[in-house]
C-alpha cells in the first residue's frame, strides 16, 4: 500500500500556489508551538489543518496572516512575502478568527458597510458588495437587526462575510463551526464548498474529522506543532489499512450473489445477512458499479446501498496513538 507523502514546501499544488509556507517555526518561551511546518495551497483548493486543540493550528495561521512573526521559515501569498509589516499582501487575505469579531450594537448591514470601508471599497461599490455578501452568508432577511440579537451561528456567518468583502485570493477560517447550532454549521460548510468552487484558496483548521473529509481537497495532520502527514482524505484513510464496509439491502439469491461478489478483486469478504449482503471492499467508491452489476447478474435485486468508509479519526489514532479529542 502506498503511504501518502508529506510534501516539502512548494511541491504540493502544481503551479504558482496562492499560499506557500516553508519551514515555519514559532516558540513561546520553552514551548515550541510550530515546528518546521511546510505546505502550499492552490487556487480553488481547500486545505485542512486537522489536529486537536493545542496542536499548533492557530499559531500557524496567525503566521500565515501576518499577525505573528515566525522564528524561522517563510510565508508567501501570490508569490509575495508575508511579514507582520506587509500591508499590501494582506489585502489578498480574508481572515476569519475563532473569536467572533463584530460590533454588537451595529446591524448586520452596518457591520459589513463599516468593514467594507476599512478594506478600501469605494462608496459606490459598498452597497452592491454588502448586498452580495449578505445573500452569500444567508443573512439578507436579518440585515437590519442588531448583531447582538443574532444567534452565535449567525454572528459567525457575519464574521465570515466580513472576511469576504474585499474578494480575497486566500480565505483563512480558524475553527469556524465551534459552538454553533446545526443549521448554521451546515450553512458555514456549504459556504466553504461554494468558495472553493469559485476559485478561492481556503485554509481551514478544524478538529472535526467529518468536516475535513467533507470539505478538504487535501489535509495536513498536525500534532505537537509538526505536520506529520499530508494527502487527500482518501489517501490518508488508506493508511489505516481498513476496508470500506458496504451493505446491499437486497432480495433474491443472496447466497449466490455473495459468492459471486467474493470473486471480485477488491472484495475481501462477502457475507449474507437478513435481507442484505455485507461486503468489505478496498475501494468501494470505484468498485460500486461493478459490485451492483455482479450482484444483479447473480440473481440479487438490490434495493439500496450504504457505504461506510474509514475516517480521519482512525488515521489520527494510527499516526499518533491518540484521538483528536485527547
C-alpha atoms as a PDB file:
ATOM      1  CA  UNK A   1       0.000   0.000   0.000  1.00  0.00           C
ATOM      2  CA  UNK A   2       1.391   3.418  -0.938  1.00  0.00           C
ATOM      3  CA  UNK A   3       1.629   5.783   2.028  1.00  0.00           C
ATOM      4  CA  UNK A   4       0.759   9.439   1.371  1.00  0.00           C
ATOM      5  CA  UNK A   5       3.825  11.647   1.346  1.00  0.00           C
ATOM      6  CA  UNK A   6       4.414  14.778   3.340  1.00  0.00           C
ATOM      7  CA  UNK A   7       5.220  17.209   0.560  1.00  0.00           C
ATOM      8  CA  UNK A   8       8.128  19.620   1.060  1.00  0.00           C
ATOM      9  CA  UNK A   9       7.135  23.260   0.695  1.00  0.00           C
ATOM     10  CA  UNK A  10       6.301  24.112  -2.863  1.00  0.00           C
ATOM     11  CA  UNK A  11       5.776  20.550  -4.078  1.00  0.00           C
ATOM     12  CA  UNK A  12       2.081  20.240  -3.182  1.00  0.00           C
ATOM     13  CA  UNK A  13      -0.173  22.046  -5.686  1.00  0.00           C
ATOM     14  CA  UNK A  14       1.422  22.157  -9.089  1.00  0.00           C
ATOM     15  CA  UNK A  15       1.562  25.705 -10.422  1.00  0.00           C
ATOM     16  CA  UNK A  16       2.016  29.047  -8.654  1.00  0.00           C
ATOM     17  CA  UNK A  17       0.330  28.305  -5.341  1.00  0.00           C
ATOM     18  CA  UNK A  18      -1.703  31.073  -3.752  1.00  0.00           C
ATOM     19  CA  UNK A  19      -0.130  30.230  -0.390  1.00  0.00           C
ATOM     20  CA  UNK A  20       3.340  28.801   0.142  1.00  0.00           C
ATOM     21  CA  UNK A  21       4.649  28.096   3.658  1.00  0.00           C
ATOM     22  CA  UNK A  22       8.196  26.838   4.122  1.00  0.00           C
ATOM     23  CA  UNK A  23       9.729  25.640   7.391  1.00  0.00           C
ATOM     24  CA  UNK A  24       7.575  27.676   9.752  1.00  0.00           C
ATOM     25  CA  UNK A  25       8.716  27.641  13.370  1.00  0.00           C
ATOM     26  CA  UNK A  26       7.400  29.530  16.367  1.00  0.00           C
ATOM     27  CA  UNK A  27       8.126  29.167  20.081  1.00  0.00           C
ATOM     28  CA  UNK A  28       6.696  30.801  23.173  1.00  0.00           C
ATOM     29  CA  UNK A  29       9.344  30.535  25.847  1.00  0.00           C
ATOM     30  CA  UNK A  30      10.130  26.846  26.303  1.00  0.00           C
ATOM     31  CA  UNK A  31       7.078  25.768  24.280  1.00  0.00           C
ATOM     32  CA  UNK A  32       7.589  25.057  20.586  1.00  0.00           C
ATOM     33  CA  UNK A  33       4.115  25.648  19.146  1.00  0.00           C
ATOM     34  CA  UNK A  34       5.012  25.181  15.450  1.00  0.00           C
ATOM     35  CA  UNK A  35       8.000  23.110  14.406  1.00  0.00           C
ATOM     36  CA  UNK A  36       9.017  23.182  10.737  1.00  0.00           C
ATOM     37  CA  UNK A  37       5.597  23.266   9.051  1.00  0.00           C
ATOM     38  CA  UNK A  38       5.566  23.443   5.231  1.00  0.00           C
ATOM     39  CA  UNK A  39       2.618  23.276   2.834  1.00  0.00           C
ATOM     40  CA  UNK A  40       1.113  25.008  -0.196  1.00  0.00           C
ATOM     41  CA  UNK A  41      -2.421  25.757  -1.393  1.00  0.00           C
ATOM     42  CA  UNK A  42      -3.532  26.285  -4.987  1.00  0.00           C
ATOM     43  CA  UNK A  43      -6.351  28.452  -6.291  1.00  0.00           C
ATOM     44  CA  UNK A  44      -9.680  26.671  -5.890  1.00  0.00           C
ATOM     45  CA  UNK A  45      -8.270  24.266  -3.308  1.00  0.00           C
ATOM     46  CA  UNK A  46      -9.475  23.796   0.260  1.00  0.00           C
ATOM     47  CA  UNK A  47      -6.634  22.715   2.517  1.00  0.00           C
ATOM     48  CA  UNK A  48      -7.398  21.486   6.015  1.00  0.00           C
ATOM     49  CA  UNK A  49      -5.146  21.580   9.048  1.00  0.00           C
ATOM     50  CA  UNK A  50      -6.513  18.750  11.180  1.00  0.00           C
ATOM     51  CA  UNK A  51      -5.437  18.248  14.756  1.00  0.00           C
ATOM     52  CA  UNK A  52      -6.528  18.522  18.396  1.00  0.00           C
ATOM     53  CA  UNK A  53      -6.666  21.764  20.328  1.00  0.00           C
ATOM     54  CA  UNK A  54      -3.114  22.854  21.125  1.00  0.00           C
ATOM     55  CA  UNK A  55      -1.584  21.149  18.078  1.00  0.00           C
ATOM     56  CA  UNK A  56      -0.304  24.417  16.592  1.00  0.00           C
ATOM     57  CA  UNK A  57      -3.022  25.107  14.022  1.00  0.00           C
ATOM     58  CA  UNK A  58      -3.950  28.588  15.202  1.00  0.00           C
ATOM     59  CA  UNK A  59      -0.324  29.666  15.637  1.00  0.00           C
ATOM     60  CA  UNK A  60       0.341  28.536  12.073  1.00  0.00           C
ATOM     61  CA  UNK A  61      -2.485  30.569  10.590  1.00  0.00           C
ATOM     62  CA  UNK A  62      -1.538  33.642  12.631  1.00  0.00           C
ATOM     63  CA  UNK A  63       1.848  33.494  10.915  1.00  0.00           C
ATOM     64  CA  UNK A  64       0.186  32.993   7.529  1.00  0.00           C
ATOM     65  CA  UNK A  65      -1.987  36.061   8.169  1.00  0.00           C
ATOM     66  CA  UNK A  66       0.983  38.195   9.232  1.00  0.00           C
ATOM     67  CA  UNK A  67      -0.279  38.587  12.803  1.00  0.00           C
ATOM     68  CA  UNK A  68       2.676  36.677  14.287  1.00  0.00           C
ATOM     69  CA  UNK A  69       6.232  36.699  13.002  1.00  0.00           C
ATOM     70  CA  UNK A  70       7.781  33.237  12.626  1.00  0.00           C
ATOM     71  CA  UNK A  71      11.038  32.490  14.421  1.00  0.00           C
ATOM     72  CA  UNK A  72      12.114  30.763  11.216  1.00  0.00           C
ATOM     73  CA  UNK A  73      10.626  29.984   7.825  1.00  0.00           C
ATOM     74  CA  UNK A  74       8.714  31.985   5.244  1.00  0.00           C
ATOM     75  CA  UNK A  75       5.161  32.664   4.067  1.00  0.00           C
ATOM     76  CA  UNK A  76       4.365  33.806   0.539  1.00  0.00           C
ATOM     77  CA  UNK A  77       0.929  34.817  -0.760  1.00  0.00           C
ATOM     78  CA  UNK A  78       0.700  35.016  -4.553  1.00  0.00           C
ATOM     79  CA  UNK A  79       4.494  34.920  -4.524  1.00  0.00           C
ATOM     80  CA  UNK A  80       4.808  37.953  -2.231  1.00  0.00           C
ATOM     81  CA  UNK A  81       6.496  37.544   1.170  1.00  0.00           C
ATOM     82  CA  UNK A  82       4.190  37.947   4.156  1.00  0.00           C
ATOM     83  CA  UNK A  83       5.521  39.730   7.239  1.00  0.00           C
ATOM     84  CA  UNK A  84       3.921  41.483  10.186  1.00  0.00           C
ATOM     85  CA  UNK A  85       4.610  44.766   8.361  1.00  0.00           C
ATOM     86  CA  UNK A  86       3.375  43.714   4.934  1.00  0.00           C
ATOM     87  CA  UNK A  87       0.304  45.833   4.233  1.00  0.00           C
ATOM     88  CA  UNK A  88      -0.369  45.283   0.534  1.00  0.00           C
ATOM     89  CA  UNK A  89      -0.276  41.488   0.609  1.00  0.00           C
ATOM     90  CA  UNK A  90      -2.760  41.398   3.478  1.00  0.00           C
ATOM     91  CA  UNK A  91      -5.371  42.745   1.088  1.00  0.00           C
ATOM     92  CA  UNK A  92      -5.238  39.384  -0.674  1.00  0.00           C
ATOM     93  CA  UNK A  93      -6.215  37.531   2.513  1.00  0.00           C
ATOM     94  CA  UNK A  94      -9.523  37.198   4.291  1.00  0.00           C
ATOM     95  CA  UNK A  95      -9.013  36.123   7.897  1.00  0.00           C
ATOM     96  CA  UNK A  96     -11.894  34.758   9.965  1.00  0.00           C
ATOM     97  CA  UNK A  97     -10.676  34.154  13.532  1.00  0.00           C
ATOM     98  CA  UNK A  98     -12.010  31.733  16.127  1.00  0.00           C
ATOM     99  CA  UNK A  99     -13.372  34.564  18.242  1.00  0.00           C
ATOM    100  CA  UNK A 100     -16.328  36.477  16.864  1.00  0.00           C
ATOM    101  CA  UNK A 101     -15.225  39.992  15.874  1.00  0.00           C
ATOM    102  CA  UNK A 102     -18.302  42.063  15.073  1.00  0.00           C
ATOM    103  CA  UNK A 103     -19.825  45.184  16.609  1.00  0.00           C
ATOM    104  CA  UNK A 104     -22.873  44.018  18.589  1.00  0.00           C
ATOM    105  CA  UNK A 105     -24.584  47.417  18.588  1.00  0.00           C
ATOM    106  CA  UNK A 106     -24.482  47.732  14.794  1.00  0.00           C
ATOM    107  CA  UNK A 107     -26.820  45.903  12.458  1.00  0.00           C
ATOM    108  CA  UNK A 108     -25.501  43.176  10.217  1.00  0.00           C
ATOM    109  CA  UNK A 109     -25.583  45.546   7.246  1.00  0.00           C
ATOM    110  CA  UNK A 110     -23.845  48.326   9.210  1.00  0.00           C
ATOM    111  CA  UNK A 111     -21.092  45.947  10.283  1.00  0.00           C
ATOM    112  CA  UNK A 112     -20.441  44.971   6.687  1.00  0.00           C
ATOM    113  CA  UNK A 113     -20.510  48.570   5.475  1.00  0.00           C
ATOM    114  CA  UNK A 114     -18.053  49.614   8.176  1.00  0.00           C
ATOM    115  CA  UNK A 115     -15.548  46.883   7.351  1.00  0.00           C
ATOM    116  CA  UNK A 116     -16.003  47.395   3.613  1.00  0.00           C
ATOM    117  CA  UNK A 117     -14.809  50.983   4.011  1.00  0.00           C
ATOM    118  CA  UNK A 118     -11.871  49.790   6.123  1.00  0.00           C
ATOM    119  CA  UNK A 119     -10.933  47.459   3.272  1.00  0.00           C
ATOM    120  CA  UNK A 120     -10.908  50.480   0.972  1.00  0.00           C
ATOM    121  CA  UNK A 121     -14.047  49.794  -1.057  1.00  0.00           C
ATOM    122  CA  UNK A 122     -15.402  52.968  -2.618  1.00  0.00           C
ATOM    123  CA  UNK A 123     -18.808  54.296  -1.613  1.00  0.00           C
ATOM    124  CA  UNK A 124     -20.316  53.317  -4.939  1.00  0.00           C
ATOM    125  CA  UNK A 125     -19.156  49.713  -4.575  1.00  0.00           C
ATOM    126  CA  UNK A 126     -20.068  49.224  -0.908  1.00  0.00           C
ATOM    127  CA  UNK A 127     -23.843  48.949  -1.301  1.00  0.00           C
ATOM    128  CA  UNK A 128     -23.732  46.281  -4.017  1.00  0.00           C
ATOM    129  CA  UNK A 129     -20.951  44.283  -2.371  1.00  0.00           C
ATOM    130  CA  UNK A 130     -22.659  44.295   1.029  1.00  0.00           C
ATOM    131  CA  UNK A 131     -25.866  43.037  -0.572  1.00  0.00           C
ATOM    132  CA  UNK A 132     -23.935  40.266  -2.346  1.00  0.00           C
ATOM    133  CA  UNK A 133     -22.244  39.155   0.865  1.00  0.00           C
ATOM    134  CA  UNK A 134     -25.479  39.227   2.864  1.00  0.00           C
ATOM    135  CA  UNK A 135     -27.007  36.906   0.300  1.00  0.00           C
ATOM    136  CA  UNK A 136     -23.930  34.658   0.301  1.00  0.00           C
ATOM    137  CA  UNK A 137     -23.973  34.186   4.091  1.00  0.00           C
ATOM    138  CA  UNK A 138     -27.759  33.868   4.256  1.00  0.00           C
ATOM    139  CA  UNK A 139     -28.453  36.945   6.377  1.00  0.00           C
ATOM    140  CA  UNK A 140     -30.328  39.181   3.941  1.00  0.00           C
ATOM    141  CA  UNK A 141     -33.558  38.809   5.925  1.00  0.00           C
ATOM    142  CA  UNK A 142     -31.814  39.826   9.170  1.00  0.00           C
ATOM    143  CA  UNK A 143     -29.571  42.549   7.735  1.00  0.00           C
ATOM    144  CA  UNK A 144     -31.380  45.338   9.595  1.00  0.00           C
ATOM    145  CA  UNK A 145     -31.224  43.659  13.019  1.00  0.00           C
ATOM    146  CA  UNK A 146     -28.563  44.418  15.601  1.00  0.00           C
ATOM    147  CA  UNK A 147     -25.750  41.859  15.632  1.00  0.00           C
ATOM    148  CA  UNK A 148     -26.264  41.299  19.359  1.00  0.00           C
ATOM    149  CA  UNK A 149     -29.694  39.815  18.593  1.00  0.00           C
ATOM    150  CA  UNK A 150     -28.136  37.178  16.321  1.00  0.00           C
ATOM    151  CA  UNK A 151     -27.523  33.615  17.445  1.00  0.00           C
ATOM    152  CA  UNK A 152     -23.918  32.525  17.853  1.00  0.00           C
ATOM    153  CA  UNK A 153     -24.046  30.782  14.492  1.00  0.00           C
ATOM    154  CA  UNK A 154     -25.428  33.863  12.748  1.00  0.00           C
ATOM    155  CA  UNK A 155     -22.693  36.010  14.282  1.00  0.00           C
ATOM    156  CA  UNK A 156     -20.103  33.576  12.936  1.00  0.00           C
ATOM    157  CA  UNK A 157     -21.665  33.806   9.489  1.00  0.00           C
ATOM    158  CA  UNK A 158     -21.482  37.595   9.719  1.00  0.00           C
ATOM    159  CA  UNK A 159     -17.838  37.254  10.731  1.00  0.00           C
ATOM    160  CA  UNK A 160     -17.217  35.163   7.627  1.00  0.00           C
ATOM    161  CA  UNK A 161     -18.974  37.751   5.479  1.00  0.00           C
ATOM    162  CA  UNK A 162     -16.617  40.434   6.763  1.00  0.00           C
ATOM    163  CA  UNK A 163     -13.671  38.328   5.600  1.00  0.00           C
ATOM    164  CA  UNK A 164     -15.160  38.033   2.105  1.00  0.00           C
ATOM    165  CA  UNK A 165     -15.971  41.679   1.423  1.00  0.00           C
ATOM    166  CA  UNK A 166     -12.753  42.510  -0.438  1.00  0.00           C
ATOM    167  CA  UNK A 167     -12.781  39.314  -2.548  1.00  0.00           C
ATOM    168  CA  UNK A 168      -9.583  37.808  -1.119  1.00  0.00           C
ATOM    169  CA  UNK A 169      -7.462  35.300  -3.017  1.00  0.00           C
ATOM    170  CA  UNK A 170      -6.970  33.297   0.195  1.00  0.00           C
ATOM    171  CA  UNK A 171      -9.568  32.829   2.919  1.00  0.00           C
ATOM    172  CA  UNK A 172      -8.382  31.618   6.327  1.00  0.00           C
ATOM    173  CA  UNK A 173     -11.016  30.097   8.597  1.00  0.00           C
ATOM    174  CA  UNK A 174      -9.968  29.010  12.065  1.00  0.00           C
ATOM    175  CA  UNK A 175     -12.377  26.516  13.680  1.00  0.00           C
ATOM    176  CA  UNK A 176     -15.422  28.340  12.219  1.00  0.00           C
ATOM    177  CA  UNK A 177     -18.070  25.891  13.456  1.00  0.00           C
ATOM    178  CA  UNK A 178     -17.096  25.595  17.125  1.00  0.00           C
ATOM    179  CA  UNK A 179     -20.151  26.104  19.318  1.00  0.00           C
ATOM    180  CA  UNK A 180     -22.661  26.806  16.541  1.00  0.00           C
ATOM    181  CA  UNK A 181     -26.086  25.282  16.036  1.00  0.00           C
ATOM    182  CA  UNK A 182     -26.529  22.553  13.386  1.00  0.00           C
ATOM    183  CA  UNK A 183     -28.352  24.840  10.934  1.00  0.00           C
ATOM    184  CA  UNK A 184     -25.592  27.457  10.991  1.00  0.00           C
ATOM    185  CA  UNK A 185     -22.923  24.766  10.862  1.00  0.00           C
ATOM    186  CA  UNK A 186     -24.400  23.347   7.669  1.00  0.00           C
ATOM    187  CA  UNK A 187     -24.654  26.843   6.191  1.00  0.00           C
ATOM    188  CA  UNK A 188     -20.991  27.503   7.002  1.00  0.00           C
ATOM    189  CA  UNK A 189     -19.872  24.220   5.446  1.00  0.00           C
ATOM    190  CA  UNK A 190     -21.920  24.843   2.300  1.00  0.00           C
ATOM    191  CA  UNK A 191     -20.328  28.277   2.086  1.00  0.00           C
ATOM    192  CA  UNK A 192     -16.817  26.816   2.178  1.00  0.00           C
ATOM    193  CA  UNK A 193     -17.693  24.399  -0.616  1.00  0.00           C
ATOM    194  CA  UNK A 194     -19.059  27.243  -2.756  1.00  0.00           C
ATOM    195  CA  UNK A 195     -15.976  29.427  -2.231  1.00  0.00           C
ATOM    196  CA  UNK A 196     -13.568  26.737  -3.380  1.00  0.00           C
ATOM    197  CA  UNK A 197     -15.756  26.047  -6.412  1.00  0.00           C
ATOM    198  CA  UNK A 198     -15.461  29.750  -7.230  1.00  0.00           C
ATOM    199  CA  UNK A 199     -11.647  29.562  -7.355  1.00  0.00           C
ATOM    200  CA  UNK A 200     -10.717  30.911  -3.927  1.00  0.00           C
ATOM    201  CA  UNK A 201      -7.962  29.178  -1.968  1.00  0.00           C
ATOM    202  CA  UNK A 202      -9.196  28.209   1.500  1.00  0.00           C
ATOM    203  CA  UNK A 203      -7.138  27.330   4.577  1.00  0.00           C
ATOM    204  CA  UNK A 204      -9.417  25.605   7.061  1.00  0.00           C
ATOM    205  CA  UNK A 205      -8.467  24.496  10.557  1.00  0.00           C
ATOM    206  CA  UNK A 206     -10.593  22.016  12.461  1.00  0.00           C
ATOM    207  CA  UNK A 207     -10.527  19.161  14.937  1.00  0.00           C
ATOM    208  CA  UNK A 208     -13.724  17.706  13.455  1.00  0.00           C
ATOM    209  CA  UNK A 209     -12.714  14.902  11.129  1.00  0.00           C
ATOM    210  CA  UNK A 210     -16.103  14.839   9.385  1.00  0.00           C
ATOM    211  CA  UNK A 211     -15.595  18.473   8.293  1.00  0.00           C
ATOM    212  CA  UNK A 212     -12.148  17.736   6.911  1.00  0.00           C
ATOM    213  CA  UNK A 213     -13.453  14.738   4.991  1.00  0.00           C
ATOM    214  CA  UNK A 214     -16.363  16.697   3.551  1.00  0.00           C
ATOM    215  CA  UNK A 215     -14.585  19.922   2.633  1.00  0.00           C
ATOM    216  CA  UNK A 216     -10.896  19.426   2.059  1.00  0.00           C
ATOM    217  CA  UNK A 217      -9.101  18.510  -1.149  1.00  0.00           C
ATOM    218  CA  UNK A 218      -6.000  17.834   0.935  1.00  0.00           C
ATOM    219  CA  UNK A 219      -5.448  17.521   4.667  1.00  0.00           C
ATOM    220  CA  UNK A 220      -2.363  18.206   6.741  1.00  0.00           C
ATOM    221  CA  UNK A 221      -2.395  16.259  10.007  1.00  0.00           C
ATOM    222  CA  UNK A 222      -0.842  18.352  12.790  1.00  0.00           C
ATOM    223  CA  UNK A 223       0.355  17.069  16.147  1.00  0.00           C
ATOM    224  CA  UNK A 224       2.740  18.650  18.607  1.00  0.00           C
ATOM    225  CA  UNK A 225       3.419  21.538  16.242  1.00  0.00           C
ATOM    226  CA  UNK A 226       4.533  19.277  13.389  1.00  0.00           C
ATOM    227  CA  UNK A 227       2.904  18.373  10.097  1.00  0.00           C
ATOM    228  CA  UNK A 228       3.116  14.594  10.356  1.00  0.00           C
ATOM    229  CA  UNK A 229       1.215  13.623   7.200  1.00  0.00           C
ATOM    230  CA  UNK A 230      -0.365  15.321   4.195  1.00  0.00           C
ATOM    231  CA  UNK A 231      -2.533  13.878   1.442  1.00  0.00           C
ATOM    232  CA  UNK A 232      -6.109  13.686   0.211  1.00  0.00           C
ATOM    233  CA  UNK A 233      -8.598  12.392   2.802  1.00  0.00           C
ATOM    234  CA  UNK A 234      -8.922   9.180   0.794  1.00  0.00           C
ATOM    235  CA  UNK A 235      -5.160   8.632   0.695  1.00  0.00           C
ATOM    236  CA  UNK A 236      -4.884   9.287   4.419  1.00  0.00           C
ATOM    237  CA  UNK A 237      -7.615   6.832   5.315  1.00  0.00           C
ATOM    238  CA  UNK A 238      -5.793   4.184   3.284  1.00  0.00           C
ATOM    239  CA  UNK A 239      -3.008   4.381   5.868  1.00  0.00           C
ATOM    240  CA  UNK A 240      -5.032   2.537   8.473  1.00  0.00           C
ATOM    241  CA  UNK A 241      -5.433  -0.450   6.187  1.00  0.00           C
ATOM    242  CA  UNK A 242      -9.165  -0.658   6.697  1.00  0.00           C
ATOM    243  CA  UNK A 243     -11.676  -1.610   4.053  1.00  0.00           C
ATOM    244  CA  UNK A 244     -14.871   0.156   3.160  1.00  0.00           C
ATOM    245  CA  UNK A 245     -17.952  -1.517   4.580  1.00  0.00           C
ATOM    246  CA  UNK A 246     -20.718  -1.941   2.008  1.00  0.00           C
ATOM    247  CA  UNK A 247     -24.239  -3.124   2.788  1.00  0.00           C
ATOM    248  CA  UNK A 248     -26.514  -4.106  -0.102  1.00  0.00           C
ATOM    249  CA  UNK A 249     -30.150  -4.303   1.024  1.00  0.00           C
ATOM    250  CA  UNK A 250     -31.454  -6.902  -1.372  1.00  0.00           C
ATOM    251  CA  UNK A 251     -33.757  -9.835  -2.080  1.00  0.00           C
ATOM    252  CA  UNK A 252     -33.411 -12.849  -4.354  1.00  0.00           C
ATOM    253  CA  UNK A 253     -30.464 -15.233  -4.463  1.00  0.00           C
ATOM    254  CA  UNK A 254     -28.350 -13.575  -1.788  1.00  0.00           C
ATOM    255  CA  UNK A 255     -26.067 -16.564  -1.215  1.00  0.00           C
ATOM    256  CA  UNK A 256     -25.318 -16.854  -4.912  1.00  0.00           C
ATOM    257  CA  UNK A 257     -24.717 -13.136  -5.213  1.00  0.00           C
ATOM    258  CA  UNK A 258     -22.379 -13.136  -2.183  1.00  0.00           C
ATOM    259  CA  UNK A 259     -20.367 -15.965  -3.703  1.00  0.00           C
ATOM    260  CA  UNK A 260     -20.057 -14.060  -6.991  1.00  0.00           C
ATOM    261  CA  UNK A 261     -19.101 -10.837  -5.241  1.00  0.00           C
ATOM    262  CA  UNK A 262     -16.397 -12.615  -3.249  1.00  0.00           C
ATOM    263  CA  UNK A 263     -14.549 -13.269  -6.522  1.00  0.00           C
ATOM    264  CA  UNK A 264     -14.138  -9.555  -7.323  1.00  0.00           C
ATOM    265  CA  UNK A 265     -10.529  -8.350  -6.889  1.00  0.00           C
ATOM    266  CA  UNK A 266     -11.389  -5.527  -4.454  1.00  0.00           C
ATOM    267  CA  UNK A 267     -13.750  -7.550  -2.247  1.00  0.00           C
ATOM    268  CA  UNK A 268     -12.105  -9.024   0.838  1.00  0.00           C
ATOM    269  CA  UNK A 269     -15.201 -10.594   2.356  1.00  0.00           C
ATOM    270  CA  UNK A 270     -18.858 -11.113   1.395  1.00  0.00           C
ATOM    271  CA  UNK A 271     -21.404 -12.358   3.919  1.00  0.00           C
ATOM    272  CA  UNK A 272     -25.169 -12.803   3.809  1.00  0.00           C
ATOM    273  CA  UNK A 273     -27.286 -11.057   6.447  1.00  0.00           C
ATOM    274  CA  UNK A 274     -31.037 -10.686   6.954  1.00  0.00           C
ATOM    275  CA  UNK A 275     -32.163  -9.340   3.556  1.00  0.00           C
ATOM    276  CA  UNK A 276     -28.695  -7.955   2.872  1.00  0.00           C
ATOM    277  CA  UNK A 277     -25.181  -8.714   1.633  1.00  0.00           C
ATOM    278  CA  UNK A 278     -22.324  -7.217   3.650  1.00  0.00           C
ATOM    279  CA  UNK A 279     -19.002  -6.591   1.939  1.00  0.00           C
ATOM    280  CA  UNK A 280     -15.520  -5.486   2.920  1.00  0.00           C
ATOM    281  CA  UNK A 281     -14.041  -3.717  -0.105  1.00  0.00           C
ATOM    282  CA  UNK A 282     -10.693  -1.981  -0.551  1.00  0.00           C
ATOM    283  CA  UNK A 283     -12.146   0.807  -2.708  1.00  0.00           C
ATOM    284  CA  UNK A 284     -15.934   0.770  -2.756  1.00  0.00           C
ATOM    285  CA  UNK A 285     -16.246   4.200  -4.356  1.00  0.00           C
ATOM    286  CA  UNK A 286     -14.555   2.942  -7.530  1.00  0.00           C
ATOM    287  CA  UNK A 287     -15.845  -0.621  -7.402  1.00  0.00           C
ATOM    288  CA  UNK A 288     -19.518   0.102  -6.670  1.00  0.00           C
ATOM    289  CA  UNK A 289     -20.771  -0.051 -10.297  1.00  0.00           C
ATOM    290  CA  UNK A 290     -19.110  -3.455 -10.737  1.00  0.00           C
ATOM    291  CA  UNK A 291     -20.469  -4.646  -7.380  1.00  0.00           C
ATOM    292  CA  UNK A 292     -24.028  -3.779  -8.375  1.00  0.00           C
ATOM    293  CA  UNK A 293     -23.653  -5.330 -11.814  1.00  0.00           C
ATOM    294  CA  UNK A 294     -22.242  -8.555 -10.368  1.00  0.00           C
ATOM    295  CA  UNK A 295     -24.946  -8.810  -7.697  1.00  0.00           C
ATOM    296  CA  UNK A 296     -27.681  -8.309 -10.284  1.00  0.00           C
ATOM    297  CA  UNK A 297     -26.295 -10.929 -12.672  1.00  0.00           C
ATOM    298  CA  UNK A 298     -26.070 -13.412  -9.797  1.00  0.00           C
ATOM    299  CA  UNK A 299     -29.767 -13.046  -9.007  1.00  0.00           C
ATOM    300  CA  UNK A 300     -29.889 -10.403  -6.271  1.00  0.00           C
ATOM    301  CA  UNK A 301     -32.324  -7.485  -6.526  1.00  0.00           C
ATOM    302  CA  UNK A 302     -30.618  -4.564  -4.751  1.00  0.00           C
ATOM    303  CA  UNK A 303     -32.962  -2.032  -3.119  1.00  0.00           C
ATOM    304  CA  UNK A 304     -30.407   0.271  -1.522  1.00  0.00           C
ATOM    305  CA  UNK A 305     -26.686   0.650  -0.876  1.00  0.00           C
ATOM    306  CA  UNK A 306     -24.877   2.002   2.200  1.00  0.00           C
ATOM    307  CA  UNK A 307     -21.105   2.607   2.253  1.00  0.00           C
ATOM    308  CA  UNK A 308     -19.138   3.289   5.437  1.00  0.00           C
ATOM    309  CA  UNK A 309     -15.581   4.442   4.725  1.00  0.00           C
ATOM    310  CA  UNK A 310     -12.670   4.614   7.205  1.00  0.00           C
ATOM    311  CA  UNK A 311     -12.466   8.103   8.690  1.00  0.00           C
ATOM    312  CA  UNK A 312      -9.747  10.561   9.650  1.00  0.00           C
ATOM    313  CA  UNK A 313     -10.269   9.883  13.354  1.00  0.00           C
ATOM    314  CA  UNK A 314      -8.864   6.402  12.729  1.00  0.00           C
ATOM    315  CA  UNK A 315      -5.985   7.927  10.757  1.00  0.00           C
ATOM    316  CA  UNK A 316      -5.069  10.290  13.572  1.00  0.00           C
ATOM    317  CA  UNK A 317      -5.145   7.452  16.091  1.00  0.00           C
ATOM    318  CA  UNK A 318      -2.966   5.379  13.764  1.00  0.00           C
ATOM    319  CA  UNK A 319      -0.397   8.165  13.310  1.00  0.00           C
ATOM    320  CA  UNK A 320      -0.195   9.500  16.862  1.00  0.00           C
ATOM    321  CA  UNK A 321      -1.559   6.830  19.194  1.00  0.00           C
ATOM    322  CA  UNK A 322      -4.236   9.216  20.472  1.00  0.00           C
ATOM    323  CA  UNK A 323      -7.600  10.568  19.370  1.00  0.00           C
ATOM    324  CA  UNK A 324      -8.386  14.034  18.071  1.00  0.00           C
ATOM    325  CA  UNK A 325     -10.179  14.799  21.342  1.00  0.00           C
ATOM    326  CA  UNK A 326      -7.171  13.937  23.572  1.00  0.00           C
END
